[in-house]
Amino acid sequence: MDEGRKRVIGIMAAILASLHMQTADDLFGTPQGSPRTDKLIAASIQWAEQIMKKIDDVLSG
């Protein structure tokens, strides 16, 4: 995956994750980490990748 594409997916994932973070602990985490935040970020990356695939399908088809 090229660097430009990684950046786009990263930005999309950050936006998606931020929409679901409700507390400061979600946003900044805690010293021991936050399983909820980790799961939100992982899910947001998956959604961003799926959105990029849909965009690719539309543009190539």
C-alpha atoms as a PDB file:
ATOM      1  CA  MET A   1       0.000   0.000   0.000  1.00  0.00           C
ATOM      2  CA  ASP A   2       1.463   3.383  -0.929  1.00  0.00           C
ATOM      3  CA  GLU A   3       2.048   6.149   1.598  1.00  0.00           C
ATOM      4  CA  GLY A   4      -0.659   8.435   0.200  1.00  0.00           C
ATOM      5  CA  ARG A   5      -3.272   5.733   0.552  1.00  0.00           C
ATOM      6  CA  LYS A   6      -2.129   4.986   4.109  1.00  0.00           C
ATOM      7  CA  ARG A   7      -2.523   8.675   4.962  1.00  0.00           C
ATOM      8  CA  VAL A   8      -6.053   8.805   3.569  1.00  0.00           C
ATOM      9  CA  ILE A   9      -7.081   5.676   5.482  1.00  0.00           C
ATOM     10  CA  GLY A  10      -5.488   7.106   8.629  1.00  0.00           C
ATOM     11  CA  ILE A  11      -7.392  10.370   8.330  1.00  0.00           C
ATOM     12  CA  MET A  12     -10.670   8.578   7.641  1.00  0.00           C
ATOM     13  CA  ALA A  13     -10.104   6.222  10.582  1.00  0.00           C
ATOM     14  CA  ALA A  14      -9.317   9.136  12.905  1.00  0.00           C
ATOM     15  CA  ILE A  15     -12.550  10.875  11.937  1.00  0.00           C
ATOM     16  CA  LEU A  16     -14.591   7.706  12.361  1.00  0.00           C
ATOM     17  CA  ALA A  17     -13.007   6.922  15.739  1.00  0.00           C
ATOM     18  CA  SER A  18     -13.465  10.450  17.051  1.00  0.00           C
ATOM     19  CA  LEU A  19     -17.200  10.267  16.385  1.00  0.00           C
ATOM     20  CA  HIS A  20     -17.470   7.448  18.930  1.00  0.00           C
ATOM     21  CA  MET A  21     -15.111   8.664  21.638  1.00  0.00           C
ATOM     22  CA  GLN A  22     -17.235  10.085  24.431  1.00  0.00           C
ATOM     23  CA  THR A  23     -14.853  10.679  27.338  1.00  0.00           C
ATOM     24  CA  ALA A  24     -11.379  12.074  27.856  1.00  0.00           C
ATOM     25  CA  ASP A  25     -10.202   8.546  28.717  1.00  0.00           C
ATOM     26  CA  ASP A  26     -11.448   7.350  25.319  1.00  0.00           C
ATOM     27  CA  LEU A  27      -9.563  10.142  23.600  1.00  0.00           C
ATOM     28  CA  PHE A  28      -6.328  10.174  25.592  1.00  0.00           C
ATOM     29  CA  GLY A  29      -6.334   6.711  27.126  1.00  0.00           C
ATOM     30  CA  THR A  30      -5.009   5.888  30.531  1.00  0.00           C
ATOM     31  CA  PRO A  31      -1.488   4.864  31.600  1.00  0.00           C
ATOM     32  CA  GLN A  32      -2.473   1.186  31.298  1.00  0.00           C
ATOM     33  CA  GLY A  33      -4.250   1.725  27.975  1.00  0.00           C
ATOM     34  CA  SER A  34      -7.918   1.469  27.129  1.00  0.00           C
ATOM     35  CA  PRO A  35      -9.400  -1.679  25.557  1.00  0.00           C
ATOM     36  CA  ARG A  36     -12.439   0.330  24.410  1.00  0.00           C
ATOM     37  CA  THR A  37     -10.235   2.884  22.632  1.00  0.00           C
ATOM     38  CA  ASP A  38      -8.137   0.128  21.046  1.00  0.00           C
ATOM     39  CA  LYS A  39     -11.295  -1.548  19.730  1.00  0.00           C
ATOM     40  CA  LEU A  40     -12.701   1.755  18.432  1.00  0.00           C
ATOM     41  CA  ILE A  41      -9.490   2.462  16.548  1.00  0.00           C
ATOM     42  CA  ALA A  42      -9.304  -1.062  15.073  1.00  0.00           C
ATOM     43  CA  ALA A  43     -12.919  -0.911  13.943  1.00  0.00           C
ATOM     44  CA  SER A  44     -12.425   2.554  12.452  1.00  0.00           C
ATOM     45  CA  ILE A  45      -9.440   1.352  10.412  1.00  0.00           C
ATOM     46  CA  GLN A  46     -11.505  -1.570   9.102  1.00  0.00           C
ATOM     47  CA  TRP A  47     -14.341   0.782   8.112  1.00  0.00           C
ATOM     48  CA  ALA A  48     -11.924   3.193   6.427  1.00  0.00           C
ATOM     49  CA  GLU A  49     -10.418   0.328   4.400  1.00  0.00           C
ATOM     50  CA  GLN A  50     -13.899  -0.816   3.375  1.00  0.00           C
ATOM     51  CA  ILE A  51     -14.810   2.725   2.294  1.00  0.00           C
ATOM     52  CA  MET A  52     -11.641   2.920   0.200  1.00  0.00           C
ATOM     53  CA  LYS A  53     -12.493  -0.421  -1.456  1.00  0.00           C
ATOM     54  CA  LYS A  54     -15.973   0.866  -2.338  1.00  0.00           C
ATOM     55  CA  ILE A  55     -14.458   4.037  -3.773  1.00  0.00           C
ATOM     56  CA  ASP A  56     -12.011   1.955  -5.838  1.00  0.00           C
ATOM     57  CA  ASP A  57     -14.881  -0.209  -7.127  1.00  0.00           C
ATOM     58  CA  VAL A  58     -16.911   2.814  -8.193  1.00  0.00           C
ATOM     59  CA  LEU A  59     -13.982   4.563  -9.855  1.00  0.00           C
ATOM     60  CA  SER A  60     -12.739   1.459 -11.694  1.00  0.00           C
ATOM     61  CA  GLY A  61     -16.166   0.270 -12.787  1.00  0.00           C
END
